[in-house]
Amino acid sequence: MSAGGPHPQEPHGSNIGDKLNWLRAGVLGANDGIVSTAGVVLGVAGATAESSALLVAGVAGAVAGAMSMAAGEYVSVSTQRDSEEALLALERRELREDPEEELAELTGLYVERGLDPDLAQQVAEQLTAKDALAAHAEVELGLDPEALTSPWKAALASMAAFTLGALLPLLTILLVGADLRVPVTVAAVIVALACTGWISARLGYGSVKRAVVRNVFGGALAMAVTHGIGLLIGTQV
C-alpha cells in the first residue's frame, strides 16, 4: 500500500454517517430484542415452569417489542428527515434568490477548510455549476440530498433486528429442559450480547471492551431483576 493510501481500518466515503445510522438501529433493535424478551421469559420462568405460559409471554413480548421498535424508529427518522428536507428547501430558496451570495458563502467555507482563496473560488464555481444544491448541502449541512434516510426502511430494519434478537432467548427457554432452562438461557443471552457488542464496536470503530462490557452488564442486570421479581411473585400466588 502506498504511503498516501488509507489505513484499512479507517472509515472512508460520503455514506459513513448513513452506515452508522443503520448500525445504530440494527444493534439497538437486536439488543432490545435479546434483553427484553429474555427479561420477560425469565421473569415468567421464575413464577411458573409451564411451557405454555412461557410461550405466550415470550411471543407477546416479542411482537409488542418489535412493533414498538418499528414505531419509535419511524417517528424518530421521520422527524429527522422532516428537518433535513426543511433545511434543503431553505437552501434551494437561497440559491434561487441570491446565487452570487451563496457562491461567496461556499467559497468562504472552503477557505475556512484550508484552501487558498483562488483555489476555493475555482472549486466553488465548478461544484456549483455541476450541482449547486449538493455542493452547499454537503459543506453547510453535511447532507446528501439524494441519500436521505427512509423512515420505512429504518422501521422495518429495527423490527427485523428486534425479532431476530428476541428469537434467541425465546427458543432457548422453550427447547431446553425445565431444570436447565434458566441457566442455559442466561448463558446464551450473555454470549449473544457479547457478540452484538463486539460487532457494533468493530463496525463502528469503537472500543470493543467497552461495548462488550456495557452490553453484557446491562443484559445481566435486566435478567437478574426480572427473574427475581418472577420468583417473588411465584411464591405469593
Protein backbone atom coordinates (compact mmCIF):
# COMPACT_ATOMS: atom_id res chain seq x y z
CA MET A 1 0.00 0.00 0.00
CA SER A 2 1.29 3.46 -0.87
CA ALA A 3 2.27 5.89 1.85
CA GLY A 4 -0.66 8.10 0.99
CA GLY A 5 -3.22 5.25 0.91
CA PRO A 6 -5.97 4.93 3.51
CA HIS A 7 -5.50 2.76 6.56
CA PRO A 8 -7.55 -0.44 6.12
CA GLN A 9 -9.44 0.16 9.39
CA GLU A 10 -10.34 3.78 8.75
CA PRO A 11 -13.87 4.73 7.65
CA HIS A 12 -13.98 6.43 4.25
CA GLY A 13 -16.74 7.55 1.94
CA SER A 14 -19.58 10.01 1.98
CA ASN A 15 -22.07 7.43 3.30
CA ILE A 16 -20.29 6.69 6.59
CA GLY A 17 -22.89 8.64 8.55
CA ASP A 18 -25.72 6.67 6.94
CA LYS A 19 -23.86 3.43 7.63
CA LEU A 20 -23.53 4.30 11.30
CA ASN A 21 -27.23 5.19 11.49
CA TRP A 22 -28.19 1.78 10.14
CA LEU A 23 -25.71 0.16 12.51
CA ARG A 24 -27.20 2.03 15.45
CA ALA A 25 -30.73 0.96 14.54
CA GLY A 26 -29.71 -2.65 13.94
CA VAL A 27 -27.69 -3.07 17.11
CA LEU A 28 -30.28 -1.27 19.23
CA GLY A 29 -33.04 -3.45 17.80
CA ALA A 30 -31.14 -6.70 18.30
CA ASN A 31 -30.06 -5.81 21.83
CA ASP A 32 -33.57 -4.78 22.81
CA GLY A 33 -34.96 -7.98 21.35
CA ILE A 34 -32.49 -10.13 23.26
CA VAL A 35 -32.69 -8.33 26.59
CA SER A 36 -36.41 -7.52 26.75
CA THR A 37 -37.54 -10.98 25.63
CA ALA A 38 -35.05 -12.66 27.95
CA GLY A 39 -36.37 -10.50 30.77
CA VAL A 40 -39.96 -11.48 30.01
CA VAL A 41 -39.39 -15.23 29.73
CA LEU A 42 -37.02 -15.40 32.70
CA GLY A 43 -39.47 -13.42 34.78
CA VAL A 44 -42.24 -15.84 33.89
CA ALA A 45 -39.89 -18.79 34.45
CA GLY A 46 -39.31 -17.53 37.98
CA ALA A 47 -43.04 -17.73 38.67
CA THR A 48 -44.02 -20.89 36.77
CA ALA A 49 -42.49 -23.85 34.95
CA GLU A 50 -45.38 -24.11 32.46
CA SER A 51 -44.06 -24.07 28.89
CA SER A 52 -47.37 -22.69 27.58
CA ALA A 53 -47.07 -19.64 29.83
CA LEU A 54 -43.51 -19.07 28.67
CA LEU A 55 -44.57 -19.35 25.02
CA VAL A 56 -47.47 -16.92 25.35
CA ALA A 57 -45.47 -14.38 27.34
CA GLY A 58 -42.43 -14.65 25.09
CA VAL A 59 -44.34 -14.32 21.82
CA ALA A 60 -46.46 -11.46 23.15
CA GLY A 61 -43.39 -9.64 24.40
CA ALA A 62 -41.51 -10.19 21.14
CA VAL A 63 -44.38 -8.97 18.95
CA ALA A 64 -45.11 -5.95 21.14
CA GLY A 65 -41.45 -5.05 21.33
CA ALA A 66 -40.91 -5.37 17.57
CA MET A 67 -43.91 -3.14 16.85
CA SER A 68 -42.75 -0.62 19.43
CA MET A 69 -39.25 -0.53 17.96
CA ALA A 70 -40.63 -0.05 14.45
CA ALA A 71 -42.96 2.75 15.51
CA GLY A 72 -40.27 4.50 17.54
CA GLU A 73 -37.73 4.32 14.74
CA TYR A 74 -40.26 5.51 12.18
CA VAL A 75 -41.15 8.57 14.28
CA SER A 76 -37.51 9.34 15.04
CA VAL A 77 -36.30 9.08 11.45
CA SER A 78 -39.36 10.89 10.11
CA THR A 79 -38.66 13.82 12.41
CA GLN A 80 -35.00 13.87 11.34
CA ARG A 81 -35.95 13.66 7.67
CA ASP A 82 -38.51 16.48 8.03
CA SER A 83 -35.79 18.70 9.47
CA GLU A 84 -33.35 17.77 6.70
CA GLU A 85 -35.92 18.43 3.98
CA ALA A 86 -36.76 21.81 5.53
CA LEU A 87 -33.08 22.77 5.53
CA LEU A 88 -32.71 21.67 1.92
CA ALA A 89 -35.79 23.66 0.92
CA LEU A 90 -34.31 26.74 2.56
CA GLU A 91 -31.03 26.17 0.72
CA ARG A 92 -32.86 25.85 -2.60
CA ARG A 93 -34.64 29.15 -1.98
CA GLU A 94 -31.42 30.94 -1.09
CA LEU A 95 -29.71 29.58 -4.21
CA ARG A 96 -32.61 30.73 -6.33
CA GLU A 97 -32.92 34.20 -4.80
CA ASP A 98 -29.25 35.11 -4.29
CA PRO A 99 -26.89 32.77 -6.16
CA GLU A 100 -23.94 35.19 -6.01
CA GLU A 101 -24.12 35.47 -2.23
CA GLU A 102 -24.38 31.70 -1.93
CA LEU A 103 -21.33 31.26 -4.17
CA ALA A 104 -19.36 33.67 -1.99
CA GLU A 105 -20.52 31.78 1.09
CA LEU A 106 -19.42 28.45 -0.36
CA THR A 107 -16.05 29.93 -1.30
CA GLY A 108 -15.61 31.22 2.25
CA LEU A 109 -16.40 27.80 3.69
CA TYR A 110 -13.69 26.21 1.55
CA VAL A 111 -11.24 28.89 2.64
CA GLU A 112 -12.10 28.05 6.28
CA ARG A 113 -11.25 24.44 5.48
CA GLY A 114 -7.78 25.44 4.38
CA LEU A 115 -7.96 26.11 0.64
CA ASP A 116 -6.22 29.07 -0.95
CA PRO A 117 -8.83 31.79 -1.77
CA ASP A 118 -8.27 31.49 -5.52
CA LEU A 119 -8.49 27.70 -5.45
CA ALA A 120 -11.52 27.89 -3.16
CA GLN A 121 -13.22 30.17 -5.69
CA GLN A 122 -12.50 27.75 -8.54
CA VAL A 123 -13.74 24.74 -6.56
CA ALA A 124 -16.91 26.55 -5.51
CA GLU A 125 -17.65 27.66 -9.07
CA GLN A 126 -17.09 24.20 -10.55
CA LEU A 127 -19.17 22.40 -7.92
CA THR A 128 -21.93 24.99 -8.19
CA ALA A 129 -22.03 24.57 -11.94
CA LYS A 130 -22.33 20.80 -11.55
CA ASP A 131 -24.89 20.68 -8.70
CA ALA A 132 -25.26 23.79 -6.57
CA LEU A 133 -27.64 22.23 -4.02
CA ALA A 134 -25.48 19.15 -3.49
CA ALA A 135 -22.35 21.30 -3.05
CA HIS A 136 -23.96 23.57 -0.46
CA ALA A 137 -25.77 20.75 1.33
CA GLU A 138 -22.56 18.76 1.77
CA VAL A 139 -20.44 21.63 3.08
CA GLU A 140 -23.02 23.61 5.05
CA LEU A 141 -25.37 20.88 6.29
CA GLY A 142 -23.42 17.62 5.99
CA LEU A 143 -26.25 16.16 3.89
CA ASP A 144 -26.58 14.33 0.61
CA PRO A 145 -29.92 15.33 -0.94
CA GLU A 146 -30.08 12.03 -2.80
CA ALA A 147 -29.41 9.82 0.23
CA LEU A 148 -31.81 10.87 2.98
CA THR A 149 -32.72 8.02 5.33
CA SER A 150 -36.09 6.38 4.66
CA PRO A 151 -38.34 6.15 7.76
CA TRP A 152 -39.98 2.99 6.45
CA LYS A 153 -36.67 1.24 5.81
CA ALA A 154 -35.42 2.24 9.26
CA ALA A 155 -38.62 0.99 10.89
CA LEU A 156 -38.52 -2.36 9.08
CA ALA A 157 -34.81 -2.80 9.84
CA SER A 158 -35.39 -2.15 13.55
CA MET A 159 -38.38 -4.51 13.66
CA ALA A 160 -36.42 -7.26 11.90
CA ALA A 161 -33.41 -6.82 14.16
CA PHE A 162 -35.59 -6.90 17.28
CA THR A 163 -37.37 -10.04 16.11
CA LEU A 164 -34.12 -11.86 15.36
CA GLY A 165 -32.75 -10.90 18.76
CA ALA A 166 -35.94 -11.99 20.51
CA LEU A 167 -35.86 -15.45 18.94
CA LEU A 168 -32.69 -16.46 20.81
CA PRO A 169 -33.97 -16.34 24.43
CA LEU A 170 -37.46 -17.45 23.39
CA LEU A 171 -36.34 -20.58 21.55
CA THR A 172 -33.68 -21.39 24.13
CA ILE A 173 -36.00 -21.34 27.12
CA LEU A 174 -38.64 -23.37 25.26
CA LEU A 175 -36.32 -26.05 23.89
CA VAL A 176 -34.19 -26.66 27.00
CA GLY A 177 -35.46 -28.89 29.81
CA ALA A 178 -37.08 -27.29 32.84
CA ASP A 179 -34.12 -27.97 35.14
CA LEU A 180 -31.61 -26.19 32.89
CA ARG A 181 -33.70 -23.65 31.01
CA VAL A 182 -32.82 -20.66 33.21
CA PRO A 183 -29.01 -21.07 33.35
CA VAL A 184 -28.78 -22.08 29.69
CA THR A 185 -30.91 -19.10 28.61
CA VAL A 186 -28.84 -16.73 30.73
CA ALA A 187 -25.62 -18.11 29.23
CA ALA A 188 -26.96 -17.89 25.67
CA VAL A 189 -28.08 -14.30 26.20
CA ILE A 190 -24.75 -13.25 27.66
CA VAL A 191 -22.88 -14.79 24.70
CA ALA A 192 -25.26 -13.10 22.24
CA LEU A 193 -24.86 -9.71 23.91
CA ALA A 194 -21.10 -10.08 23.89
CA CYS A 195 -21.28 -10.79 20.16
CA THR A 196 -23.50 -7.80 19.37
CA GLY A 197 -21.25 -5.59 21.45
CA TRP A 198 -18.19 -6.85 19.57
CA ILE A 199 -19.87 -6.39 16.18
CA SER A 200 -21.06 -2.87 16.96
CA ALA A 201 -17.62 -1.85 18.17
CA ARG A 202 -15.83 -3.31 15.15
CA LEU A 203 -18.18 -1.81 12.57
CA GLY A 204 -18.49 1.47 14.43
CA TYR A 205 -14.74 1.81 15.12
CA GLY A 206 -15.30 1.99 18.87
CA SER A 207 -13.81 0.28 21.91
CA VAL A 208 -14.56 -3.47 21.79
CA LYS A 209 -14.04 -3.99 25.51
CA ARG A 210 -16.29 -1.09 26.49
CA ALA A 211 -19.08 -2.17 24.13
CA VAL A 212 -19.00 -5.81 25.26
CA VAL A 213 -18.92 -4.97 28.97
CA ARG A 214 -21.74 -2.44 28.57
CA ASN A 215 -23.96 -4.92 26.70
CA VAL A 216 -23.31 -7.87 28.99
CA PHE A 217 -23.69 -5.90 32.23
CA GLY A 218 -26.96 -4.29 31.17
CA GLY A 219 -28.43 -7.57 29.99
CA ALA A 220 -27.34 -9.49 33.08
CA LEU A 221 -28.82 -6.84 35.36
CA ALA A 222 -32.13 -6.90 33.48
CA MET A 223 -32.34 -10.70 33.65
CA ALA A 224 -31.48 -10.77 37.35
CA VAL A 225 -34.13 -8.20 38.22
CA THR A 226 -36.94 -9.74 36.17
CA HIS A 227 -36.19 -13.30 37.27
CA GLY A 228 -36.05 -12.16 40.89
CA ILE A 229 -39.44 -10.46 40.52
CA GLY A 230 -40.82 -13.65 38.97
CA LEU A 231 -39.55 -15.75 41.88
CA LEU A 232 -41.04 -13.29 44.37
CA ILE A 233 -44.43 -13.24 42.69
CA GLY A 234 -44.40 -17.00 42.20
CA THR A 235 -44.11 -17.60 45.93
CA GLN A 236 -47.08 -15.33 46.63
CA VAL A 237 -49.62 -16.90 44.26
